[in-house]
Amino acid sequence: MKSNLTDLNRLLARQNFKDEKELQAFLNNLTGKSLYDLPKMDLTPEEQAEDLVYEAYNLTPAKAKKNIEKALELDKNCIDAYEYLAAIEKKLEKKLEILEKGIAIGRKKFGGKFLKENRGNFWGIHETRPFMRCLQHKADMLWLLRKGAECAAVYEEMFELNDGDNQGVRFPLMSVLILLDEIEKFKKYDKIFADDCSMSMLYSRALFAFKTEGDTAKSRKAAKEAFEANNYVIAMLTDKNFQFSGVSGYTMGSPEEAEVYLLHAFFAWHETDNAIEWFINTVINVLNKEEQKVVNGSSKNHKSVIVPFKNRK
């Protein structure tokens, strides 16, 4: 579905501002107006193609197909169209093939001088977003096909193109790097995002610490912090009947958040020898100590924690 911000971006692109002062004056003139009230514009063939793709998402398959065909007639380099075609394709290999077409267009369109001038800010530029989304879809497809090294390479490219990481590729990247034993690369990105204390990063740090150092005070501390951030992860890792449900959103500390993390981290945990058992034992020991403090009356503010797995002794 097309955002009204798309029309605003198009309107701004049609202006020829001499400096920031003129830009600010133009924006001030729009203050208080609805985006629906923007001046009507004669759309270029490329913009018409984009709009046809936006509409396709709300149409029946038959009508959507006609929209996409018309979009590619108007603009054979419409990356949005290839993103849509990949989204409705069921076979992973075919999805990847379609995405590659869109990505190839993006590399050509946004290479050279454009790349030099905008490297690191690709998500901040409206016209590059379809290209960035195709890259993310490609990485996801490569991961599902168990092509870890190729998947990591795409995530790293995305980070280089958009170092603010608006798409959050650092989260799956860290898990993939652990699985690939890319120790130095993990340390590199962990240093870059040292201030990120999200659940995904905490679990990645805990697993990495255990894999590289074993059972140490540092790895146990990392495990405790991860468990406190979300205690559903270990339950899913130890559940033989666990299946991904395909969640699209989550709140902090929720089962949905744990599932999103495990989309890329599941194999990293299961293929790191004794990692799950170590994590369980570490958490149990921590909780036993906290319970003992409560018994001894040394923790007035203790909050009870429910351990969501059956292995607790």
Protein backbone atom coordinates (compact mmCIF):
# COMPACT_ATOMS: atom_id res chain seq x y z
CA MET A 1 0.00 0.00 0.00
CA LYS A 2 1.39 3.39 -0.97
CA SER A 3 2.21 5.80 1.81
CA ASN A 4 1.25 9.45 1.45
CA LEU A 5 4.88 10.17 2.21
CA THR A 6 5.63 8.75 -1.23
CA ASP A 7 3.77 11.66 -2.80
CA LEU A 8 5.55 14.09 -0.49
CA ASN A 9 8.93 12.72 -1.57
CA ARG A 10 7.89 13.04 -5.19
CA LEU A 11 6.80 16.63 -4.64
CA LEU A 12 10.08 17.54 -2.98
CA ALA A 13 12.04 15.89 -5.78
CA ARG A 14 10.31 18.17 -8.28
CA GLN A 15 11.48 21.33 -6.54
CA ASN A 16 14.71 23.11 -7.32
CA PHE A 17 15.74 24.55 -3.97
CA LYS A 18 18.76 26.83 -4.02
CA ASP A 19 19.55 26.26 -0.37
CA GLU A 20 18.20 24.87 2.90
CA LYS A 21 16.42 28.16 3.59
CA GLU A 22 14.20 27.69 0.52
CA LEU A 23 13.57 24.08 1.48
CA GLN A 24 12.53 25.09 4.99
CA ALA A 25 10.24 27.81 3.65
CA PHE A 26 8.57 25.29 1.36
CA LEU A 27 8.07 22.84 4.22
CA ASN A 28 6.72 25.60 6.46
CA ASN A 29 4.12 26.36 3.80
CA LEU A 30 2.93 22.76 4.06
CA THR A 31 2.57 22.93 7.83
CA GLY A 32 -0.98 22.24 8.95
CA LYS A 33 -1.97 20.75 5.62
CA SER A 34 -2.95 17.15 5.15
CA LEU A 35 -0.76 14.98 2.94
CA TYR A 36 -3.95 14.30 1.03
CA ASP A 37 -3.98 17.99 0.07
CA LEU A 38 -0.63 17.92 -1.72
CA PRO A 39 -0.65 19.45 -5.20
CA LYS A 40 -1.58 16.99 -7.94
CA MET A 41 1.36 15.94 -10.07
CA ASP A 42 1.80 14.49 -13.51
CA LEU A 43 3.45 11.19 -12.73
CA THR A 44 6.38 9.84 -14.70
CA PRO A 45 6.11 6.31 -16.15
CA GLU A 46 8.36 5.11 -13.31
CA GLU A 47 6.06 6.61 -10.69
CA GLN A 48 2.97 5.21 -12.39
CA ALA A 49 4.62 1.78 -12.30
CA GLU A 50 5.32 2.14 -8.58
CA ASP A 51 1.69 3.04 -7.90
CA LEU A 52 0.47 0.03 -9.84
CA VAL A 53 2.60 -2.23 -7.65
CA TYR A 54 1.32 -0.55 -4.49
CA GLU A 55 -2.25 -1.19 -5.67
CA ALA A 56 -1.48 -4.82 -6.48
CA TYR A 57 -1.11 -5.73 -2.82
CA ASN A 58 -4.81 -4.96 -2.28
CA LEU A 59 -6.14 -6.70 -5.41
CA THR A 60 -7.16 -10.25 -6.25
CA PRO A 61 -4.33 -12.36 -7.72
CA ALA A 62 -5.71 -12.03 -11.27
CA LYS A 63 -6.05 -8.24 -11.12
CA ALA A 64 -2.73 -7.91 -9.31
CA LYS A 65 -0.99 -9.81 -12.09
CA LYS A 66 -2.33 -7.36 -14.67
CA ASN A 67 -1.09 -4.47 -12.55
CA ILE A 68 2.41 -5.93 -12.39
CA GLU A 69 2.47 -6.61 -16.13
CA LYS A 70 1.45 -3.02 -16.83
CA ALA A 71 3.97 -1.73 -14.33
CA LEU A 72 6.81 -3.54 -16.09
CA GLU A 73 5.57 -2.25 -19.43
CA LEU A 74 5.82 1.29 -18.10
CA ASP A 75 9.15 0.68 -16.40
CA LYS A 76 11.07 -2.50 -17.08
CA ASN A 77 13.41 -1.52 -14.23
CA CYS A 78 10.68 -1.29 -11.58
CA ILE A 79 12.32 -2.95 -8.56
CA ASP A 80 9.03 -2.85 -6.62
CA ALA A 81 7.50 -5.15 -9.23
CA TYR A 82 10.20 -7.78 -8.73
CA GLU A 83 9.81 -7.53 -4.97
CA TYR A 84 6.08 -8.23 -5.38
CA LEU A 85 6.64 -11.15 -7.76
CA ALA A 86 9.11 -12.69 -5.32
CA ALA A 87 6.64 -12.27 -2.46
CA ILE A 88 3.92 -14.29 -4.18
CA GLU A 89 6.27 -17.00 -5.51
CA LYS A 90 6.19 -20.21 -3.44
CA LYS A 91 9.43 -21.92 -4.47
CA LEU A 92 12.50 -20.57 -2.64
CA GLU A 93 14.86 -21.00 -5.58
CA LYS A 94 12.44 -19.14 -7.87
CA LYS A 95 11.99 -16.38 -5.27
CA LEU A 96 15.75 -15.96 -5.18
CA GLU A 97 15.93 -15.80 -8.97
CA ILE A 98 13.30 -13.04 -9.10
CA LEU A 99 14.96 -11.07 -6.31
CA GLU A 100 18.27 -11.24 -8.14
CA LYS A 101 16.66 -9.45 -11.08
CA GLY A 102 15.52 -6.60 -8.88
CA ILE A 103 18.87 -6.44 -7.10
CA ALA A 104 20.77 -6.36 -10.40
CA ILE A 105 18.70 -3.35 -11.46
CA GLY A 106 19.42 -1.69 -8.12
CA ARG A 107 23.18 -2.24 -8.36
CA LYS A 108 23.23 -0.66 -11.80
CA LYS A 109 20.88 2.17 -10.92
CA PHE A 110 22.47 3.06 -7.58
CA GLY A 111 26.09 2.33 -8.35
CA GLY A 112 28.96 4.57 -9.42
CA LYS A 113 28.71 8.19 -8.32
CA PHE A 114 25.38 7.64 -6.55
CA LEU A 115 26.92 4.92 -4.39
CA LYS A 116 29.96 7.03 -3.52
CA GLU A 117 27.80 9.96 -2.47
CA ASN A 118 25.17 7.99 -0.56
CA ARG A 119 26.94 4.95 0.86
CA GLY A 120 25.78 4.45 4.44
CA ASN A 121 22.45 6.24 3.97
CA PHE A 122 20.53 4.02 1.56
CA TRP A 123 17.49 3.55 3.79
CA GLY A 124 17.20 7.29 4.21
CA ILE A 125 16.65 7.70 0.46
CA HIS A 126 13.14 6.86 -0.69
CA GLU A 127 14.06 5.48 -4.10
CA THR A 128 16.63 3.00 -2.76
CA ARG A 129 14.30 1.30 -0.29
CA PRO A 130 12.89 -1.30 -2.74
CA PHE A 131 16.49 -2.30 -3.51
CA MET A 132 17.29 -2.61 0.20
CA ARG A 133 14.16 -4.67 0.82
CA CYS A 134 15.10 -7.03 -2.01
CA LEU A 135 18.51 -7.50 -0.44
CA GLN A 136 16.90 -8.37 2.87
CA HIS A 137 14.52 -10.84 1.23
CA LYS A 138 17.49 -12.40 -0.58
CA ALA A 139 19.39 -12.85 2.67
CA ASP A 140 16.35 -14.49 4.25
CA MET A 141 15.99 -16.87 1.31
CA LEU A 142 19.69 -17.79 1.47
CA TRP A 143 19.32 -18.55 5.15
CA LEU A 144 16.33 -20.82 4.55
CA LEU A 145 18.42 -22.61 1.92
CA ARG A 146 21.16 -23.02 4.59
CA LYS A 147 23.64 -20.90 2.64
CA GLY A 148 25.04 -19.18 5.70
CA ALA A 149 28.16 -17.58 4.24
CA GLU A 150 26.23 -16.05 1.32
CA CYS A 151 23.51 -14.88 3.70
CA ALA A 152 26.04 -13.15 5.97
CA ALA A 153 27.67 -11.47 2.97
CA VAL A 154 24.35 -9.88 1.97
CA TYR A 155 23.69 -8.67 5.52
CA GLU A 156 27.16 -7.13 5.66
CA GLU A 157 26.58 -5.39 2.34
CA MET A 158 23.32 -4.01 3.66
CA PHE A 159 25.05 -2.66 6.74
CA GLU A 160 27.68 -1.02 4.57
CA LEU A 161 24.95 0.62 2.47
CA ASN A 162 22.99 1.72 5.53
CA ASP A 163 25.18 1.90 8.62
CA GLY A 164 22.25 3.11 10.75
CA ASP A 165 20.77 -0.36 10.21
CA ASN A 166 17.12 0.73 10.09
CA GLN A 167 16.20 -2.75 8.88
CA GLY A 168 17.78 -4.43 11.91
CA VAL A 169 20.00 -6.82 9.96
CA ARG A 170 22.54 -6.85 12.80
CA PHE A 171 20.30 -9.22 14.75
CA PRO A 172 20.25 -12.13 12.28
CA LEU A 173 23.81 -11.32 11.19
CA MET A 174 25.20 -11.92 14.69
CA SER A 175 23.57 -15.36 14.88
CA VAL A 176 24.81 -16.32 11.43
CA LEU A 177 28.37 -15.22 12.29
CA ILE A 178 28.30 -17.41 15.41
CA LEU A 179 27.21 -20.40 13.36
CA LEU A 180 29.97 -19.72 10.82
CA ASP A 181 32.64 -19.31 13.54
CA GLU A 182 33.38 -15.80 12.25
CA ILE A 183 34.86 -14.68 15.57
CA GLU A 184 36.57 -11.48 14.46
CA LYS A 185 33.58 -10.30 12.46
CA PHE A 186 31.30 -10.92 15.43
CA LYS A 187 33.59 -8.85 17.64
CA LYS A 188 33.65 -6.10 15.01
CA TYR A 189 29.87 -5.70 14.88
CA ASP A 190 29.45 -6.22 18.62
CA LYS A 191 31.80 -3.30 19.17
CA ILE A 192 29.86 -1.14 16.71
CA PHE A 193 26.60 -1.91 18.52
CA ALA A 194 28.02 -2.05 22.03
CA ASP A 195 25.16 0.09 23.36
CA ASP A 196 22.49 -2.20 21.93
CA CYS A 197 21.03 -4.20 24.84
CA SER A 198 18.10 -5.68 22.95
CA MET A 199 17.13 -9.26 23.70
CA SER A 200 18.58 -10.55 20.43
CA MET A 201 21.96 -8.98 21.09
CA LEU A 202 22.02 -10.25 24.67
CA TYR A 203 21.36 -13.84 23.59
CA SER A 204 23.93 -13.57 20.80
CA ARG A 205 26.55 -12.32 23.27
CA ALA A 206 25.75 -15.12 25.69
CA LEU A 207 26.05 -17.82 23.03
CA PHE A 208 29.21 -16.26 21.60
CA ALA A 209 30.81 -16.03 25.04
CA PHE A 210 30.10 -19.69 25.77
CA LYS A 211 31.25 -20.84 22.34
CA THR A 212 34.55 -18.94 22.52
CA GLU A 213 35.29 -19.03 26.28
CA GLY A 214 33.23 -21.84 27.75
CA ASP A 215 31.60 -21.69 31.18
CA THR A 216 33.08 -18.54 32.67
CA ALA A 217 31.88 -15.75 34.94
CA LYS A 218 31.49 -13.58 31.82
CA SER A 219 29.41 -16.10 29.89
CA ARG A 220 27.23 -16.86 32.93
CA LYS A 221 26.58 -13.15 33.45
CA ALA A 222 25.64 -12.83 29.78
CA ALA A 223 23.27 -15.80 30.06
CA LYS A 224 21.55 -14.28 33.11
CA GLU A 225 21.05 -10.95 31.32
CA ALA A 226 19.64 -12.67 28.23
CA PHE A 227 17.22 -14.81 30.25
CA GLU A 228 15.98 -11.79 32.18
CA ALA A 229 15.29 -10.00 28.89
CA ASN A 230 13.17 -12.85 27.52
CA ASN A 231 12.67 -16.22 29.22
CA TYR A 232 10.75 -17.81 26.33
CA VAL A 233 13.77 -18.45 24.13
CA ILE A 234 15.08 -21.44 26.06
CA ALA A 235 11.56 -22.90 26.29
CA MET A 236 11.33 -22.89 22.50
CA LEU A 237 14.82 -24.30 22.08
CA THR A 238 13.99 -27.27 24.34
CA ASP A 239 10.51 -27.90 22.95
CA LYS A 240 10.69 -30.84 20.52
CA ASN A 241 7.33 -29.83 19.05
CA PHE A 242 8.22 -26.17 18.54
CA GLN A 243 7.27 -24.74 15.15
CA PHE A 244 7.62 -21.23 13.79
CA SER A 245 4.25 -19.56 13.44
CA GLY A 246 5.32 -16.66 11.22
CA VAL A 247 4.71 -13.75 13.60
CA SER A 248 4.86 -10.26 12.12
CA GLY A 249 5.22 -8.18 15.27
CA TYR A 250 6.08 -8.46 18.95
CA THR A 251 6.43 -6.72 22.29
CA MET A 252 9.53 -6.87 24.46
CA GLY A 253 9.78 -10.02 26.54
CA SER A 254 7.04 -11.81 24.59
CA PRO A 255 6.97 -15.27 22.98
CA GLU A 256 6.71 -13.51 19.62
CA GLU A 257 9.97 -11.66 20.26
CA ALA A 258 11.66 -14.96 21.10
CA GLU A 259 10.37 -16.53 17.90
CA VAL A 260 11.63 -13.67 15.74
CA TYR A 261 15.08 -14.04 17.32
CA LEU A 262 15.14 -17.81 16.78
CA LEU A 263 14.35 -17.52 13.07
CA HIS A 264 18.10 -17.13 12.57
CA ALA A 265 19.50 -18.22 15.93
CA PHE A 266 17.86 -21.65 16.22
CA PHE A 267 20.61 -23.55 14.41
CA ALA A 268 23.39 -21.55 16.08
CA TRP A 269 22.21 -22.74 19.50
CA HIS A 270 21.55 -26.34 18.49
CA GLU A 271 24.84 -26.70 16.62
CA THR A 272 26.99 -25.27 19.40
CA ASP A 273 27.92 -28.27 21.54
CA ASN A 274 26.34 -28.24 25.02
CA ALA A 275 25.19 -24.62 24.64
CA ILE A 276 21.54 -25.25 25.52
CA GLU A 277 22.39 -27.50 28.47
CA TRP A 278 24.89 -24.93 29.74
CA PHE A 279 22.35 -22.13 29.47
CA ILE A 280 19.71 -24.12 31.37
CA ASN A 281 22.10 -25.06 34.16
CA THR A 282 23.38 -21.51 34.41
CA VAL A 283 19.89 -20.06 34.75
CA ILE A 284 18.84 -22.72 37.26
CA ASN A 285 21.87 -21.99 39.43
CA VAL A 286 21.18 -18.26 39.31
CA LEU A 287 17.52 -18.73 40.25
CA ASN A 288 18.39 -21.14 43.06
CA LYS A 289 20.77 -18.57 44.53
CA GLU A 290 18.13 -15.86 44.31
CA GLU A 291 15.57 -18.10 45.99
CA GLN A 292 18.06 -18.87 48.76
CA LYS A 293 18.50 -15.13 49.33
CA VAL A 294 14.75 -14.81 49.74
CA VAL A 295 14.72 -17.64 52.28
CA ASN A 296 17.55 -15.97 54.20
CA GLY A 297 15.76 -12.64 54.05
CA SER A 298 18.63 -10.91 52.29
CA SER A 299 16.63 -9.80 49.22
CA LYS A 300 13.72 -7.57 50.13
CA ASN A 301 12.87 -6.60 46.58
CA HIS A 302 13.11 -10.02 45.00
CA LYS A 303 10.56 -10.75 42.28
CA SER A 304 9.66 -14.38 41.61
CA VAL A 305 10.59 -15.72 38.19
CA ILE A 306 8.73 -18.50 36.44
CA VAL A 307 11.11 -20.73 34.51
CA PRO A 308 9.26 -21.76 31.31
CA PHE A 309 10.97 -25.09 30.69
CA LYS A 310 10.62 -28.54 32.18
CA ASN A 311 14.31 -29.16 32.85
CA ARG A 312 14.44 -27.18 36.07
CA LYS A 313 15.51 -29.33 39.02
